[in-house]
């Protein structure tokens, strides 16, 4: 019934409708087209070198993530002119060279500062405005 109540509130007046649209827009701004796809926080071997985070661009268009950064559990800031092609994936690794040698994943960003806790913790992707 949430949808019905929302409709009732929004049909009260044009001012209420404008307020509902404004609130909906504000909530949507927090969403991102770039999302966490995989997090390797506990590799079977060489844990101190092979941790990584994979991000995915859910859109069909390229997204510029220059200045965006990973924070909380680990820290990594993307350099200028970092573009994630539409529908593509990027990896940020604790040790990109070790990841390429062990798993064949070439072109990973990194290294990131910190370590991923095997017991769980917050990991955030923040845009350059955060």
N, C-alpha and C. Protein backbone atom coordinates (compact mmCIF):
# COMPACT_ATOMS: atom_id res chain seq x y z
N UNK A 1 0.80 -1.20 0.00
CA UNK A 1 0.00 0.00 0.00
C UNK A 1 0.85 1.27 0.00
N UNK A 2 2.14 1.11 0.10
CA UNK A 2 3.00 2.28 0.11
C UNK A 2 2.80 3.12 -1.15
N UNK A 3 2.69 2.46 -2.31
CA UNK A 3 2.50 3.19 -3.56
C UNK A 3 1.22 3.99 -3.56
N UNK A 4 0.15 3.43 -3.00
CA UNK A 4 -1.13 4.13 -2.94
C UNK A 4 -1.01 5.37 -2.06
N UNK A 5 -0.38 5.23 -0.90
CA UNK A 5 -0.22 6.37 -0.01
C UNK A 5 0.61 7.46 -0.67
N UNK A 6 1.67 7.07 -1.37
CA UNK A 6 2.52 8.03 -2.07
C UNK A 6 1.68 8.79 -3.10
N UNK A 7 0.83 8.06 -3.84
CA UNK A 7 -0.03 8.71 -4.83
C UNK A 7 -0.95 9.72 -4.16
N UNK A 8 -1.55 9.34 -3.04
CA UNK A 8 -2.47 10.24 -2.35
C UNK A 8 -1.76 11.50 -1.90
N UNK A 9 -0.58 11.37 -1.33
CA UNK A 9 0.16 12.53 -0.86
C UNK A 9 0.50 13.44 -2.03
N UNK A 10 0.91 12.85 -3.15
CA UNK A 10 1.34 13.64 -4.29
C UNK A 10 0.19 14.27 -5.05
N UNK A 11 -1.03 13.79 -4.90
CA UNK A 11 -2.15 14.38 -5.61
C UNK A 11 -2.84 15.47 -4.80
N UNK A 12 -2.41 15.72 -3.59
CA UNK A 12 -3.03 16.74 -2.76
C UNK A 12 -2.94 18.11 -3.41
N UNK A 13 -1.79 18.47 -3.91
CA UNK A 13 -1.63 19.76 -4.57
C UNK A 13 -0.37 19.75 -5.42
N UNK A 14 -0.24 20.73 -6.25
CA UNK A 14 0.97 20.80 -7.08
C UNK A 14 2.21 21.07 -6.22
N UNK A 15 2.03 21.76 -5.10
CA UNK A 15 3.15 22.00 -4.19
C UNK A 15 3.62 20.67 -3.59
N UNK A 16 2.68 19.85 -3.17
CA UNK A 16 3.04 18.54 -2.62
C UNK A 16 3.72 17.68 -3.68
N UNK A 17 3.23 17.75 -4.92
CA UNK A 17 3.83 17.00 -6.01
C UNK A 17 5.27 17.45 -6.24
N UNK A 18 5.49 18.75 -6.24
CA UNK A 18 6.84 19.28 -6.42
C UNK A 18 7.76 18.80 -5.30
N UNK A 19 7.24 18.77 -4.08
CA UNK A 19 8.02 18.31 -2.93
C UNK A 19 8.37 16.83 -3.09
N UNK A 20 7.40 16.01 -3.51
CA UNK A 20 7.66 14.58 -3.71
C UNK A 20 8.73 14.37 -4.77
N UNK A 21 8.65 15.09 -5.86
CA UNK A 21 9.63 14.96 -6.93
C UNK A 21 11.00 15.40 -6.44
N UNK A 22 11.04 16.48 -5.70
CA UNK A 22 12.30 16.98 -5.16
C UNK A 22 12.94 15.95 -4.23
N UNK A 23 12.14 15.36 -3.34
CA UNK A 23 12.67 14.36 -2.42
C UNK A 23 13.13 13.12 -3.17
N UNK A 24 12.37 12.68 -4.16
CA UNK A 24 12.75 11.51 -4.94
C UNK A 24 14.06 11.77 -5.68
N UNK A 25 14.23 12.95 -6.23
CA UNK A 25 15.46 13.30 -6.93
C UNK A 25 16.64 13.31 -5.98
N UNK A 26 16.46 13.84 -4.79
CA UNK A 26 17.53 13.89 -3.80
C UNK A 26 17.96 12.49 -3.41
N UNK A 27 17.00 11.60 -3.20
CA UNK A 27 17.33 10.23 -2.83
C UNK A 27 18.10 9.55 -3.96
N UNK A 28 17.69 9.74 -5.19
CA UNK A 28 18.33 9.08 -6.33
C UNK A 28 19.75 9.58 -6.56
N UNK A 29 20.05 10.80 -6.18
CA UNK A 29 21.39 11.33 -6.39
C UNK A 29 22.45 10.52 -5.68
N UNK A 30 22.10 9.87 -4.58
CA UNK A 30 23.06 9.08 -3.83
C UNK A 30 23.44 7.79 -4.53
N UNK A 31 22.61 7.35 -5.48
CA UNK A 31 22.91 6.12 -6.21
C UNK A 31 24.04 6.36 -7.18
N UNK A 32 24.72 5.28 -7.52
CA UNK A 32 25.82 5.40 -8.45
C UNK A 32 25.68 4.37 -9.55
N UNK A 33 26.15 4.71 -10.71
CA UNK A 33 26.15 3.76 -11.81
C UNK A 33 27.35 2.82 -11.70
N UNK A 34 28.33 3.18 -10.87
CA UNK A 34 29.49 2.33 -10.61
C UNK A 34 29.24 1.63 -9.28
N UNK A 35 29.28 0.30 -9.29
CA UNK A 35 28.97 -0.48 -8.08
C UNK A 35 30.07 -1.50 -7.81
N UNK A 36 30.12 -1.96 -6.55
CA UNK A 36 31.01 -3.06 -6.21
C UNK A 36 30.45 -4.33 -6.85
N UNK A 37 31.31 -5.06 -7.55
CA UNK A 37 30.89 -6.31 -8.17
C UNK A 37 31.43 -7.51 -7.39
N UNK A 38 32.71 -7.46 -7.05
CA UNK A 38 33.33 -8.52 -6.26
C UNK A 38 34.37 -7.91 -5.34
N UNK A 39 34.56 -8.54 -4.19
CA UNK A 39 35.60 -8.14 -3.25
C UNK A 39 36.34 -9.40 -2.81
N UNK A 40 37.61 -9.48 -3.12
CA UNK A 40 38.43 -10.62 -2.69
C UNK A 40 39.17 -10.20 -1.44
N UNK A 41 38.57 -10.50 -0.30
CA UNK A 41 39.13 -10.08 0.98
C UNK A 41 39.93 -11.18 1.67
N UNK A 42 39.81 -12.44 1.20
CA UNK A 42 40.47 -13.56 1.87
C UNK A 42 40.96 -14.58 0.85
N UNK A 43 41.98 -14.20 0.05
CA UNK A 43 42.50 -15.15 -0.94
C UNK A 43 43.07 -16.40 -0.27
N UNK A 44 43.02 -17.51 -0.98
CA UNK A 44 43.49 -18.79 -0.43
C UNK A 44 44.99 -18.79 -0.17
N UNK A 45 45.74 -18.05 -0.98
CA UNK A 45 47.20 -17.99 -0.83
C UNK A 45 47.65 -16.53 -0.87
N UNK A 46 48.77 -16.26 -0.27
CA UNK A 46 49.41 -14.93 -0.31
C UNK A 46 48.41 -13.79 -0.05
N UNK A 47 47.70 -13.93 1.03
CA UNK A 47 46.65 -12.97 1.37
C UNK A 47 47.15 -11.53 1.43
N UNK A 48 48.36 -11.33 1.91
CA UNK A 48 48.90 -9.98 2.06
C UNK A 48 49.16 -9.30 0.72
N UNK A 49 49.09 -10.05 -0.39
CA UNK A 49 49.35 -9.47 -1.71
C UNK A 49 48.16 -9.53 -2.66
N UNK A 50 47.25 -10.47 -2.46
CA UNK A 50 46.26 -10.77 -3.49
C UNK A 50 44.84 -10.28 -3.18
N UNK A 51 44.69 -9.37 -2.26
CA UNK A 51 43.36 -8.78 -2.04
C UNK A 51 43.04 -7.81 -3.18
N UNK A 52 41.76 -7.76 -3.58
CA UNK A 52 41.36 -6.84 -4.63
C UNK A 52 39.86 -6.55 -4.55
N UNK A 53 39.49 -5.47 -5.22
CA UNK A 53 38.10 -5.02 -5.30
C UNK A 53 37.78 -4.80 -6.77
N UNK A 54 36.63 -5.32 -7.21
CA UNK A 54 36.21 -5.12 -8.60
C UNK A 54 34.97 -4.23 -8.64
N UNK A 55 35.01 -3.22 -9.50
CA UNK A 55 33.89 -2.30 -9.69
C UNK A 55 33.30 -2.53 -11.08
N UNK A 56 32.00 -2.27 -11.19
CA UNK A 56 31.30 -2.48 -12.46
C UNK A 56 30.51 -1.23 -12.84
N UNK A 57 30.61 -0.83 -14.10
CA UNK A 57 29.82 0.27 -14.65
C UNK A 57 28.53 -0.35 -15.20
N UNK A 58 27.41 -0.09 -14.54
CA UNK A 58 26.13 -0.68 -14.93
C UNK A 58 25.51 -0.03 -16.16
N UNK A 59 26.04 1.09 -16.57
CA UNK A 59 25.46 1.83 -17.69
C UNK A 59 26.12 1.44 -19.02
N UNK A 60 25.47 1.84 -20.10
CA UNK A 60 26.01 1.59 -21.44
C UNK A 60 26.94 2.71 -21.89
N UNK A 61 27.07 3.74 -21.09
CA UNK A 61 27.92 4.88 -21.43
C UNK A 61 29.16 4.89 -20.54
N UNK A 62 30.23 5.48 -21.04
CA UNK A 62 31.47 5.61 -20.26
C UNK A 62 31.24 6.55 -19.08
N UNK A 63 31.91 6.26 -17.96
CA UNK A 63 31.81 7.10 -16.76
C UNK A 63 33.21 7.51 -16.32
N UNK A 64 33.41 8.79 -16.13
CA UNK A 64 34.68 9.33 -15.66
C UNK A 64 34.69 9.29 -14.13
N UNK A 65 35.60 8.50 -13.56
CA UNK A 65 35.69 8.41 -12.10
C UNK A 65 36.97 9.06 -11.58
N UNK A 66 37.51 9.99 -12.33
CA UNK A 66 38.69 10.74 -11.90
C UNK A 66 38.42 11.39 -10.54
N UNK A 67 39.31 11.17 -9.59
CA UNK A 67 39.16 11.77 -8.27
C UNK A 67 38.26 11.00 -7.34
N UNK A 68 37.53 10.01 -7.82
CA UNK A 68 36.73 9.17 -6.93
C UNK A 68 37.69 8.35 -6.08
N UNK A 69 37.21 7.83 -4.94
CA UNK A 69 38.11 7.06 -4.10
C UNK A 69 37.40 5.99 -3.30
N UNK A 70 38.14 4.94 -2.98
CA UNK A 70 37.70 3.91 -2.05
C UNK A 70 38.09 4.37 -0.67
N UNK A 71 37.20 4.17 0.30
CA UNK A 71 37.53 4.61 1.66
C UNK A 71 37.00 3.63 2.69
N UNK A 72 37.32 3.91 3.91
CA UNK A 72 37.01 3.15 5.12
C UNK A 72 37.97 1.97 5.24
N UNK A 73 37.62 0.79 4.72
CA UNK A 73 38.47 -0.39 4.87
C UNK A 73 39.85 -0.19 4.24
N UNK A 74 39.85 0.34 3.05
CA UNK A 74 41.10 0.63 2.32
C UNK A 74 40.96 2.01 1.70
N UNK A 75 42.08 2.54 1.23
CA UNK A 75 42.03 3.83 0.55
C UNK A 75 42.75 3.73 -0.79
N UNK A 76 42.07 4.22 -1.82
CA UNK A 76 42.68 4.38 -3.13
C UNK A 76 41.92 5.48 -3.87
N UNK A 77 42.66 6.44 -4.41
CA UNK A 77 42.03 7.51 -5.19
C UNK A 77 42.38 7.32 -6.66
N UNK A 78 41.36 7.34 -7.51
CA UNK A 78 41.57 7.14 -8.94
C UNK A 78 42.22 8.38 -9.55
N UNK A 79 43.22 8.16 -10.39
CA UNK A 79 43.91 9.29 -11.02
C UNK A 79 43.04 9.98 -12.06
N UNK A 80 43.47 11.17 -12.48
CA UNK A 80 42.77 11.90 -13.51
C UNK A 80 42.63 11.08 -14.78
N UNK A 81 41.59 11.37 -15.52
CA UNK A 81 41.29 10.71 -16.79
C UNK A 81 41.07 9.20 -16.65
N UNK A 82 40.50 8.78 -15.50
CA UNK A 82 40.13 7.38 -15.33
C UNK A 82 38.70 7.20 -15.82
N UNK A 83 38.55 6.47 -16.90
CA UNK A 83 37.25 6.23 -17.53
C UNK A 83 36.92 4.75 -17.40
N UNK A 84 35.70 4.45 -16.93
CA UNK A 84 35.21 3.08 -16.92
C UNK A 84 34.25 2.96 -18.11
N UNK A 85 34.63 2.20 -19.13
CA UNK A 85 33.74 2.06 -20.29
C UNK A 85 32.39 1.47 -19.92
N UNK A 86 31.37 1.82 -20.68
CA UNK A 86 30.03 1.31 -20.42
C UNK A 86 30.01 -0.21 -20.35
N UNK A 87 29.41 -0.74 -19.28
CA UNK A 87 29.28 -2.18 -19.09
C UNK A 87 30.55 -2.90 -18.68
N UNK A 88 31.61 -2.15 -18.46
CA UNK A 88 32.92 -2.76 -18.18
C UNK A 88 33.20 -2.85 -16.68
N UNK A 89 34.33 -3.47 -16.36
CA UNK A 89 34.77 -3.70 -14.99
C UNK A 89 36.17 -3.16 -14.82
N UNK A 90 36.49 -2.72 -13.60
CA UNK A 90 37.88 -2.37 -13.27
C UNK A 90 38.21 -3.00 -11.93
N UNK A 91 39.49 -3.25 -11.71
CA UNK A 91 39.95 -3.87 -10.48
C UNK A 91 40.95 -2.94 -9.81
N UNK A 92 40.85 -2.86 -8.49
CA UNK A 92 41.83 -2.15 -7.66
C UNK A 92 42.43 -3.19 -6.74
N UNK A 93 43.75 -3.34 -6.77
CA UNK A 93 44.41 -4.41 -6.03
C UNK A 93 45.38 -3.88 -4.99
N UNK A 94 45.58 -4.68 -3.97
CA UNK A 94 46.59 -4.37 -2.96
C UNK A 94 47.98 -4.40 -3.60
N UNK A 95 48.20 -5.36 -4.49
CA UNK A 95 49.47 -5.49 -5.21
C UNK A 95 49.15 -5.89 -6.66
N UNK A 96 48.98 -4.92 -7.56
CA UNK A 96 48.59 -5.24 -8.94
C UNK A 96 49.54 -6.20 -9.66
N UNK A 97 50.84 -6.08 -9.45
CA UNK A 97 51.80 -6.96 -10.11
C UNK A 97 51.63 -8.40 -9.63
N UNK A 98 51.46 -8.59 -8.34
CA UNK A 98 51.27 -9.94 -7.79
C UNK A 98 49.96 -10.54 -8.28
N UNK A 99 48.92 -9.72 -8.38
CA UNK A 99 47.63 -10.21 -8.88
C UNK A 99 47.74 -10.65 -10.34
N UNK A 100 48.45 -9.88 -11.14
CA UNK A 100 48.64 -10.26 -12.54
C UNK A 100 49.44 -11.56 -12.65
N UNK A 101 50.51 -11.70 -11.87
CA UNK A 101 51.34 -12.90 -11.92
C UNK A 101 50.58 -14.14 -11.44
N UNK A 102 49.77 -13.99 -10.41
CA UNK A 102 49.06 -15.13 -9.82
C UNK A 102 47.79 -15.49 -10.57
N UNK A 103 47.00 -14.46 -10.95
CA UNK A 103 45.66 -14.73 -11.51
C UNK A 103 45.50 -14.28 -12.96
N UNK A 104 46.53 -13.62 -13.52
CA UNK A 104 46.45 -13.17 -14.90
C UNK A 104 45.56 -11.95 -15.10
N UNK A 105 45.22 -11.24 -14.02
CA UNK A 105 44.39 -10.04 -14.12
C UNK A 105 45.30 -8.85 -14.37
N UNK A 106 45.33 -8.40 -15.62
CA UNK A 106 46.21 -7.31 -16.02
C UNK A 106 45.48 -5.97 -15.94
N UNK A 107 46.23 -4.91 -15.75
CA UNK A 107 45.67 -3.57 -15.78
C UNK A 107 44.96 -3.13 -14.52
N UNK A 108 45.17 -3.83 -13.41
CA UNK A 108 44.53 -3.43 -12.16
C UNK A 108 45.12 -2.13 -11.65
N UNK A 109 44.28 -1.31 -11.05
CA UNK A 109 44.74 -0.10 -10.38
C UNK A 109 45.32 -0.50 -9.03
N UNK A 110 46.10 0.39 -8.45
CA UNK A 110 46.62 0.12 -7.12
C UNK A 110 48.06 0.59 -7.02
N UNK A 111 48.66 0.34 -5.91
CA UNK A 111 48.13 -0.41 -4.77
C UNK A 111 47.21 0.45 -3.91
N UNK A 112 46.31 -0.21 -3.21
CA UNK A 112 45.50 0.53 -2.25
C UNK A 112 46.17 0.46 -0.88
N UNK A 113 45.87 1.42 -0.04
CA UNK A 113 46.43 1.47 1.31
C UNK A 113 45.47 0.76 2.26
N UNK A 114 46.03 0.00 3.19
CA UNK A 114 45.22 -0.72 4.16
C UNK A 114 45.01 -2.16 3.72
N UNK A 115 44.19 -2.87 4.50
CA UNK A 115 43.88 -4.28 4.23
C UNK A 115 42.39 -4.50 4.44
N UNK A 116 41.87 -5.50 3.77
CA UNK A 116 40.46 -5.87 3.92
C UNK A 116 40.34 -6.87 5.07
N UNK A 117 39.52 -6.55 6.04
CA UNK A 117 39.35 -7.37 7.23
C UNK A 117 38.50 -8.60 6.89
N UNK A 118 38.98 -9.78 7.22
CA UNK A 118 38.26 -11.02 6.93
C UNK A 118 36.97 -11.15 7.75
N UNK A 119 36.84 -10.38 8.80
CA UNK A 119 35.64 -10.44 9.65
C UNK A 119 34.56 -9.48 9.20
N UNK A 120 34.85 -8.63 8.23
CA UNK A 120 33.87 -7.67 7.72
C UNK A 120 34.14 -6.25 8.20
N UNK A 121 33.81 -5.30 7.34
CA UNK A 121 33.97 -3.88 7.65
C UNK A 121 33.32 -3.08 6.53
N UNK A 122 33.29 -1.78 6.67
CA UNK A 122 32.72 -0.92 5.63
C UNK A 122 33.75 -0.67 4.53
N UNK A 123 33.25 -0.66 3.31
CA UNK A 123 34.05 -0.31 2.15
C UNK A 123 33.17 0.57 1.30
N UNK A 124 33.63 1.79 1.04
CA UNK A 124 32.81 2.74 0.31
C UNK A 124 33.54 3.26 -0.93
N UNK A 125 32.74 3.54 -1.95
CA UNK A 125 33.22 4.22 -3.14
C UNK A 125 32.60 5.61 -3.11
N UNK A 126 33.45 6.61 -3.08
CA UNK A 126 32.96 8.00 -3.00
C UNK A 126 33.37 8.75 -4.24
N UNK A 127 32.44 9.60 -4.71
CA UNK A 127 32.78 10.40 -5.89
C UNK A 127 33.61 11.60 -5.46
N UNK A 128 34.08 12.35 -6.41
CA UNK A 128 34.97 13.49 -6.13
C UNK A 128 34.29 14.62 -5.38
N UNK A 129 32.97 14.57 -5.23
CA UNK A 129 32.23 15.60 -4.51
C UNK A 129 32.01 15.25 -3.05
N UNK A 130 32.33 14.01 -2.64
CA UNK A 130 32.04 13.57 -1.27
C UNK A 130 33.08 14.05 -0.29
